[in-house]
Amino acid sequence: MTYAQYTPEQLDQLVLQILDLTILLREMSLTARKNKVNEIPMHDRKAIQWCESLEQWARKSKLNLDLMIADLPRES
């Protein structure tokens, strides 16, 4: 596994990319409902695996950030 250093701005860019994907999927669901399409055929196995991996990655990264912050010197 390769570690990369992320700036807060890079995290924001990642979030925006994920939100763009979320918007696209939401538009699809709204369009399907509007047009009374009850089922949308999609290959989902890889997408579900990626989402699970992304969630694990984010949770581990959050924990690492929390630990890093806990180790910072405290102002008195």
PDB file of N, CA and C in Angstrom:
ATOM      1  N   MET A   1       0.849  -1.173   0.000  1.00  0.00           N
ATOM      2  CA  MET A   1       0.000   0.000   0.000  1.00  0.00           C
ATOM      3  C   MET A   1       0.897   1.238   0.000  1.00  0.00           C
ATOM      4  N   THR A   2       0.558   2.189  -0.817  1.00  0.00           N
ATOM      5  CA  THR A   2       1.317   3.422  -0.926  1.00  0.00           C
ATOM      6  C   THR A   2       0.608   4.528  -0.169  1.00  0.00           C
ATOM      7  N   TYR A   3       1.360   5.226   0.673  1.00  0.00           N
ATOM      8  CA  TYR A   3       0.801   6.373   1.378  1.00  0.00           C
ATOM      9  C   TYR A   3       1.071   7.629   0.570  1.00  0.00           C
ATOM     10  N   ALA A   4       0.079   8.467   0.478  1.00  0.00           N
ATOM     11  CA  ALA A   4       0.222   9.769  -0.163  1.00  0.00           C
ATOM     12  C   ALA A   4      -0.176  10.824   0.850  1.00  0.00           C
ATOM     13  N   GLN A   5       0.520  11.931   0.829  1.00  0.00           N
ATOM     14  CA  GLN A   5       0.192  13.038   1.718  1.00  0.00           C
ATOM     15  C   GLN A   5      -0.898  13.875   1.045  1.00  0.00           C
ATOM     16  N   TYR A   6      -1.996  14.077   1.730  1.00  0.00           N
ATOM     17  CA  TYR A   6      -3.107  14.871   1.205  1.00  0.00           C
ATOM     18  C   TYR A   6      -3.177  16.190   1.949  1.00  0.00           C
ATOM     19  N   THR A   7      -3.394  17.237   1.196  1.00  0.00           N
ATOM     20  CA  THR A   7      -3.677  18.527   1.813  1.00  0.00           C
ATOM     21  C   THR A   7      -5.187  18.609   2.022  1.00  0.00           C
ATOM     22  N   PRO A   8      -5.658  19.492   2.891  1.00  0.00           N
ATOM     23  CA  PRO A   8      -7.109  19.664   3.024  1.00  0.00           C
ATOM     24  C   PRO A   8      -7.773  20.003   1.683  1.00  0.00           C
ATOM     25  N   GLU A   9      -7.067  20.756   0.838  1.00  0.00           N
ATOM     26  CA  GLU A   9      -7.623  21.108  -0.474  1.00  0.00           C
ATOM     27  C   GLU A   9      -7.789  19.875  -1.362  1.00  0.00           C
ATOM     28  N   GLN A  10      -6.828  18.950  -1.278  1.00  0.00           N
ATOM     29  CA  GLN A  10      -6.947  17.718  -2.062  1.00  0.00           C
ATOM     30  C   GLN A  10      -8.111  16.869  -1.572  1.00  0.00           C
ATOM     31  N   LEU A  11      -8.319  16.842  -0.263  1.00  0.00           N
ATOM     32  CA  LEU A  11      -9.485  16.130   0.271  1.00  0.00           C
ATOM     33  C   LEU A  11     -10.771  16.766  -0.226  1.00  0.00           C
ATOM     34  N   ASP A  12     -10.798  18.095  -0.256  1.00  0.00           N
ATOM     35  CA  ASP A  12     -11.977  18.785  -0.776  1.00  0.00           C
ATOM     36  C   ASP A  12     -12.238  18.411  -2.228  1.00  0.00           C
ATOM     37  N   GLN A  13     -11.185  18.316  -3.037  1.00  0.00           N
ATOM     38  CA  GLN A  13     -11.346  17.929  -4.441  1.00  0.00           C
ATOM     39  C   GLN A  13     -11.897  16.510  -4.564  1.00  0.00           C
ATOM     40  N   LEU A  14     -11.426  15.610  -3.702  1.00  0.00           N
ATOM     41  CA  LEU A  14     -11.945  14.243  -3.693  1.00  0.00           C
ATOM     42  C   LEU A  14     -13.424  14.235  -3.333  1.00  0.00           C
ATOM     43  N   VAL A  15     -13.778  15.020  -2.327  1.00  0.00           N
ATOM     44  CA  VAL A  15     -15.181  15.117  -1.915  1.00  0.00           C
ATOM     45  C   VAL A  15     -16.041  15.635  -3.068  1.00  0.00           C
ATOM     46  N   LEU A  16     -15.557  16.654  -3.762  1.00  0.00           N
ATOM     47  CA  LEU A  16     -16.322  17.208  -4.884  1.00  0.00           C
ATOM     48  C   LEU A  16     -16.509  16.170  -5.989  1.00  0.00           C
ATOM     49  N   GLN A  17     -15.495  15.375  -6.234  1.00  0.00           N
ATOM     50  CA  GLN A  17     -15.611  14.313  -7.238  1.00  0.00           C
ATOM     51  C   GLN A  17     -16.660  13.287  -6.822  1.00  0.00           C
ATOM     52  N   ILE A  18     -16.649  12.923  -5.549  1.00  0.00           N
ATOM     53  CA  ILE A  18     -17.641  11.973  -5.043  1.00  0.00           C
ATOM     54  C   ILE A  18     -19.039  12.583  -5.101  1.00  0.00           C
ATOM     55  N   LEU A  19     -19.159  13.862  -4.772  1.00  0.00           N
ATOM     56  CA  LEU A  19     -20.462  14.535  -4.849  1.00  0.00           C
ATOM     57  C   LEU A  19     -20.971  14.600  -6.285  1.00  0.00           C
ATOM     58  N   ASP A  20     -20.075  14.827  -7.244  1.00  0.00           N
ATOM     59  CA  ASP A  20     -20.480  14.815  -8.652  1.00  0.00           C
ATOM     60  C   ASP A  20     -21.070  13.455  -9.031  1.00  0.00           C
ATOM     61  N   LEU A  21     -20.424  12.402  -8.570  1.00  0.00           N
ATOM     62  CA  LEU A  21     -20.934  11.055  -8.831  1.00  0.00           C
ATOM     63  C   LEU A  21     -22.283  10.847  -8.155  1.00  0.00           C
ATOM     64  N   THR A  22     -22.411  11.330  -6.934  1.00  0.00           N
ATOM     65  CA  THR A  22     -23.671  11.241  -6.198  1.00  0.00           C
ATOM     66  C   THR A  22     -24.784  11.958  -6.948  1.00  0.00           C
ATOM     67  N   ILE A  23     -24.479  13.131  -7.459  1.00  0.00           N
ATOM     68  CA  ILE A  23     -25.478  13.904  -8.211  1.00  0.00           C
ATOM     69  C   ILE A  23     -25.906  13.143  -9.457  1.00  0.00           C
ATOM     70  N   LEU A  24     -24.942  12.561 -10.156  1.00  0.00           N
ATOM     71  CA  LEU A  24     -25.262  11.791 -11.363  1.00  0.00           C
ATOM     72  C   LEU A  24     -26.200  10.631 -11.050  1.00  0.00           C
ATOM     73  N   LEU A  25     -25.890   9.887  -9.986  1.00  0.00           N
ATOM     74  CA  LEU A  25     -26.749   8.759  -9.611  1.00  0.00           C
ATOM     75  C   LEU A  25     -28.122   9.236  -9.150  1.00  0.00           C
ATOM     76  N   ARG A  26     -28.163  10.347  -8.431  1.00  0.00           N
ATOM     77  CA  ARG A  26     -29.454  10.900  -7.982  1.00  0.00           C
ATOM     78  C   ARG A  26     -30.284  11.339  -9.183  1.00  0.00           C
ATOM     79  N   GLU A  27     -29.646  11.970 -10.168  1.00  0.00           N
ATOM     80  CA  GLU A  27     -30.362  12.354 -11.384  1.00  0.00           C
ATOM     81  C   GLU A  27     -30.942  11.133 -12.086  1.00  0.00           C
ATOM     82  N   MET A  28     -30.184  10.048 -12.095  1.00  0.00           N
ATOM     83  CA  MET A  28     -30.676   8.819 -12.714  1.00  0.00           C
ATOM     84  C   MET A  28     -31.912   8.301 -11.984  1.00  0.00           C
ATOM     85  N   SER A  29     -31.888   8.299 -10.659  1.00  0.00           N
ATOM     86  CA  SER A  29     -33.042   7.796  -9.910  1.00  0.00           C
ATOM     87  C   SER A  29     -34.261   8.686 -10.123  1.00  0.00           C
ATOM     88  N   LEU A  30     -34.050   9.993 -10.137  1.00  0.00           N
ATOM     89  CA  LEU A  30     -35.177  10.905 -10.366  1.00  0.00           C
ATOM     90  C   LEU A  30     -35.743  10.753 -11.774  1.00  0.00           C
ATOM     91  N   THR A  31     -34.863  10.620 -12.756  1.00  0.00           N
ATOM     92  CA  THR A  31     -35.304  10.431 -14.141  1.00  0.00           C
ATOM     93  C   THR A  31     -36.065   9.120 -14.296  1.00  0.00           C
ATOM     94  N   ALA A  32     -35.568   8.059 -13.660  1.00  0.00           N
ATOM     95  CA  ALA A  32     -36.249   6.767 -13.731  1.00  0.00           C
ATOM     96  C   ALA A  32     -37.645   6.867 -13.117  1.00  0.00           C
ATOM     97  N   ARG A  33     -37.739   7.500 -11.953  1.00  0.00           N
ATOM     98  CA  ARG A  33     -39.065   7.652 -11.322  1.00  0.00           C
ATOM     99  C   ARG A  33     -40.007   8.472 -12.197  1.00  0.00           C
ATOM    100  N   LYS A  34     -39.491   9.580 -12.707  1.00  0.00           N
ATOM    101  CA  LYS A  34     -40.308  10.468 -13.538  1.00  0.00           C
ATOM    102  C   LYS A  34     -40.856   9.735 -14.759  1.00  0.00           C
ATOM    103  N   ASN A  35     -40.033   8.844 -15.314  1.00  0.00           N
ATOM    104  CA  ASN A  35     -40.427   8.125 -16.521  1.00  0.00           C
ATOM    105  C   ASN A  35     -40.967   6.729 -16.237  1.00  0.00           C
ATOM    106  N   LYS A  36     -41.250   6.481 -14.948  1.00  0.00           N
ATOM    107  CA  LYS A  36     -41.835   5.221 -14.529  1.00  0.00           C
ATOM    108  C   LYS A  36     -41.008   4.000 -14.944  1.00  0.00           C
ATOM    109  N   VAL A  37     -39.690   4.164 -14.863  1.00  0.00           N
ATOM    110  CA  VAL A  37     -38.775   3.049 -15.085  1.00  0.00           C
ATOM    111  C   VAL A  37     -38.482   2.463 -13.713  1.00  0.00           C
ATOM    112  N   ASN A  38     -38.933   1.234 -13.474  1.00  0.00           N
ATOM    113  CA  ASN A  38     -38.834   0.628 -12.153  1.00  0.00           C
ATOM    114  C   ASN A  38     -37.503  -0.067 -11.893  1.00  0.00           C
ATOM    115  N   GLU A  39     -36.803  -0.449 -12.937  1.00  0.00           N
ATOM    116  CA  GLU A  39     -35.533  -1.136 -12.761  1.00  0.00           C
ATOM    117  C   GLU A  39     -34.543  -0.625 -13.792  1.00  0.00           C
ATOM    118  N   ILE A  40     -33.311  -0.388 -13.326  1.00  0.00           N
ATOM    119  CA  ILE A  40     -32.232   0.082 -14.193  1.00  0.00           C
ATOM    120  C   ILE A  40     -31.159  -0.998 -14.182  1.00  0.00           C
ATOM    121  N   PRO A  41     -30.904  -1.654 -15.302  1.00  0.00           N
ATOM    122  CA  PRO A  41     -29.875  -2.696 -15.304  1.00  0.00           C
ATOM    123  C   PRO A  41     -28.487  -2.069 -15.175  1.00  0.00           C
ATOM    124  N   MET A  42     -27.762  -2.515 -14.160  1.00  0.00           N
ATOM    125  CA  MET A  42     -26.417  -2.000 -13.917  1.00  0.00           C
ATOM    126  C   MET A  42     -25.546  -3.129 -13.400  1.00  0.00           C
ATOM    127  N   HIS A  43     -24.288  -3.149 -13.825  1.00  0.00           N
ATOM    128  CA  HIS A  43     -23.317  -4.064 -13.236  1.00  0.00           C
ATOM    129  C   HIS A  43     -22.841  -3.402 -11.951  1.00  0.00           C
ATOM    130  N   ASP A  44     -23.147  -4.011 -10.815  1.00  0.00           N
ATOM    131  CA  ASP A  44     -22.892  -3.304  -9.561  1.00  0.00           C
ATOM    132  C   ASP A  44     -21.850  -3.942  -8.656  1.00  0.00           C
ATOM    133  N   ARG A  45     -21.394  -5.126  -8.958  1.00  0.00           N
ATOM    134  CA  ARG A  45     -20.487  -5.807  -8.036  1.00  0.00           C
ATOM    135  C   ARG A  45     -19.228  -4.990  -7.768  1.00  0.00           C
ATOM    136  N   LYS A  46     -18.590  -4.519  -8.824  1.00  0.00           N
ATOM    137  CA  LYS A  46     -17.366  -3.727  -8.652  1.00  0.00           C
ATOM    138  C   LYS A  46     -17.664  -2.420  -7.935  1.00  0.00           C
ATOM    139  N   ALA A  47     -18.762  -1.771  -8.273  1.00  0.00           N
ATOM    140  CA  ALA A  47     -19.102  -0.499  -7.630  1.00  0.00           C
ATOM    141  C   ALA A  47     -19.323  -0.694  -6.130  1.00  0.00           C
ATOM    142  N   ILE A  48     -19.995  -1.755  -5.769  1.00  0.00           N
ATOM    143  CA  ILE A  48     -20.232  -2.034  -4.347  1.00  0.00           C
ATOM    144  C   ILE A  48     -18.906  -2.317  -3.646  1.00  0.00           C
ATOM    145  N   GLN A  49     -18.033  -3.084  -4.281  1.00  0.00           N
ATOM    146  CA  GLN A  49     -16.717  -3.362  -3.697  1.00  0.00           C
ATOM    147  C   GLN A  49     -15.921  -2.073  -3.531  1.00  0.00           C
ATOM    148  N   TRP A  50     -15.940  -1.209  -4.541  1.00  0.00           N
ATOM    149  CA  TRP A  50     -15.209   0.056  -4.469  1.00  0.00           C
ATOM    150  C   TRP A  50     -15.751   0.940  -3.355  1.00  0.00           C
ATOM    151  N   CYS A  51     -17.063   0.983  -3.231  1.00  0.00           N
ATOM    152  CA  CYS A  51     -17.673   1.797  -2.161  1.00  0.00           C
ATOM    153  C   CYS A  51     -17.276   1.270  -0.784  1.00  0.00           C
ATOM    154  N   GLU A  52     -17.284  -0.035  -0.624  1.00  0.00           N
ATOM    155  CA  GLU A  52     -16.884  -0.623   0.653  1.00  0.00           C
ATOM    156  C   GLU A  52     -15.419  -0.326   0.948  1.00  0.00           C
ATOM    157  N   SER A  53     -14.579  -0.459  -0.060  1.00  0.00           N
ATOM    158  CA  SER A  53     -13.153  -0.164   0.114  1.00  0.00           C
ATOM    159  C   SER A  53     -12.929   1.311   0.411  1.00  0.00           C
ATOM    160  N   LEU A  54     -13.646   2.170  -0.279  1.00  0.00           N
ATOM    161  CA  LEU A  54     -13.525   3.605  -0.060  1.00  0.00           C
ATOM    162  C   LEU A  54     -13.953   3.975   1.352  1.00  0.00           C
ATOM    163  N   GLU A  55     -15.017   3.354   1.829  1.00  0.00           N
ATOM    164  CA  GLU A  55     -15.477   3.619   3.189  1.00  0.00           C
ATOM    165  C   GLU A  55     -14.427   3.173   4.212  1.00  0.00           C
ATOM    166  N   GLN A  56     -13.866   1.992   4.017  1.00  0.00           N
ATOM    167  CA  GLN A  56     -12.813   1.503   4.924  1.00  0.00           C
ATOM    168  C   GLN A  56     -11.612   2.439   4.897  1.00  0.00           C
ATOM    169  N   TRP A  57     -11.201   2.846   3.711  1.00  0.00           N
ATOM    170  CA  TRP A  57     -10.077   3.768   3.550  1.00  0.00           C
ATOM    171  C   TRP A  57     -10.338   5.074   4.281  1.00  0.00           C
ATOM    172  N   ALA A  58     -11.539   5.616   4.136  1.00  0.00           N
ATOM    173  CA  ALA A  58     -11.881   6.887   4.776  1.00  0.00           C
ATOM    174  C   ALA A  58     -11.901   6.741   6.295  1.00  0.00           C
ATOM    175  N   ARG A  59     -12.470   5.654   6.798  1.00  0.00           N
ATOM    176  CA  ARG A  59     -12.527   5.445   8.256  1.00  0.00           C
ATOM    177  C   ARG A  59     -11.126   5.284   8.849  1.00  0.00           C
ATOM    178  N   LYS A  60     -10.259   4.520   8.165  1.00  0.00           N
ATOM    179  CA  LYS A  60      -8.887   4.361   8.644  1.00  0.00           C
ATOM    180  C   LYS A  60      -8.142   5.689   8.606  1.00  0.00           C
ATOM    181  N   SER A  61      -8.345   6.444   7.553  1.00  0.00           N
ATOM    182  CA  SER A  61      -7.694   7.751   7.426  1.00  0.00           C
ATOM    183  C   SER A  61      -8.171   8.703   8.507  1.00  0.00           C
ATOM    184  N   LYS A  62      -9.467   8.674   8.814  1.00  0.00           N
ATOM    185  CA  LYS A  62     -10.017   9.511   9.881  1.00  0.00           C
ATOM    186  C   LYS A  62      -9.419   9.131  11.223  1.00  0.00           C
ATOM    187  N   LEU A  63      -9.286   7.849  11.471  1.00  0.00           N
ATOM    188  CA  LEU A  63      -8.678   7.385  12.714  1.00  0.00           C
ATOM    189  C   LEU A  63      -7.225   7.858  12.801  1.00  0.00           C
ATOM    190  N   ASN A  64      -6.490   7.733  11.707  1.00  0.00           N
ATOM    191  CA  ASN A  64      -5.099   8.204  11.689  1.00  0.00           C
ATOM    192  C   ASN A  64      -5.025   9.700  11.964  1.00  0.00           C
ATOM    193  N   LEU A  65      -5.923  10.471  11.386  1.00  0.00           N
ATOM    194  CA  LEU A  65      -5.962  11.913  11.638  1.00  0.00           C
ATOM    195  C   LEU A  65      -6.261  12.190  13.105  1.00  0.00           C
ATOM    196  N   ASP A  66      -7.245  11.488  13.647  1.00  0.00           N
ATOM    197  CA  ASP A  66      -7.595  11.677  15.063  1.00  0.00           C
ATOM    198  C   ASP A  66      -6.415  11.362  15.972  1.00  0.00           C
ATOM    199  N   LEU A  67      -5.691  10.290  15.669  1.00  0.00           N
ATOM    200  CA  LEU A  67      -4.522   9.928  16.468  1.00  0.00           C
ATOM    201  C   LEU A  67      -3.415  10.971  16.329  1.00  0.00           C
ATOM    202  N   MET A  68      -3.225  11.466  15.110  1.00  0.00           N
ATOM    203  CA  MET A  68      -2.214  12.480  14.878  1.00  0.00           C
ATOM    204  C   MET A  68      -2.546  13.757  15.667  1.00  0.00           C
ATOM    205  N   ILE A  69      -3.799  14.142  15.664  1.00  0.00           N
ATOM    206  CA  ILE A  69      -4.227  15.335  16.392  1.00  0.00           C
ATOM    207  C   ILE A  69      -4.081  15.122  17.899  1.00  0.00           C
ATOM    208  N   ALA A  70      -4.394  13.926  18.369  1.00  0.00           N
ATOM    209  CA  ALA A  70      -4.271  13.633  19.799  1.00  0.00           C
ATOM    210  C   ALA A  70      -2.821  13.728  20.258  1.00  0.00           C
ATOM    211  N   ASP A  71      -1.880  13.479  19.364  1.00  0.00           N
ATOM    212  CA  ASP A  71      -0.455  13.531  19.705  1.00  0.00           C
ATOM    213  C   ASP A  71       0.133  14.936  19.607  1.00  0.00           C
ATOM    214  N   LEU A  72      -0.633  15.901  19.102  1.00  0.00           N
ATOM    215  CA  LEU A  72      -0.115  17.266  18.996  1.00  0.00           C
ATOM    216  C   LEU A  72       0.061  17.862  20.380  1.00  0.00           C
ATOM    217  N   PRO A  73       1.088  18.688  20.545  1.00  0.00           N
ATOM    218  CA  PRO A  73       1.252  19.348  21.847  1.00  0.00           C
ATOM    219  C   PRO A  73       0.085  20.279  22.131  1.00  0.00           C
ATOM    220  N   ARG A  74      -0.343  20.284  23.356  1.00  0.00           N
ATOM    221  CA  ARG A  74      -1.471  21.124  23.790  1.00  0.00           C
ATOM    222  C   ARG A  74      -0.959  22.450  24.327  1.00  0.00           C
ATOM    223  N   GLU A  75      -1.700  23.503  24.001  1.00  0.00           N
ATOM    224  CA  GLU A  75      -1.363  24.827  24.549  1.00  0.00           C
ATOM    225  C   GLU A  75      -1.861  24.903  25.991  1.00  0.00           C
ATOM    226  N   SER A  76      -1.058  25.527  26.825  1.00  0.00           N
ATOM    227  CA  SER A  76      -1.439  25.656  28.245  1.00  0.00           C
ATOM    228  C   SER A  76      -2.000  27.014  28.532  1.00  0.00           C
TER     229      SER A  76
END
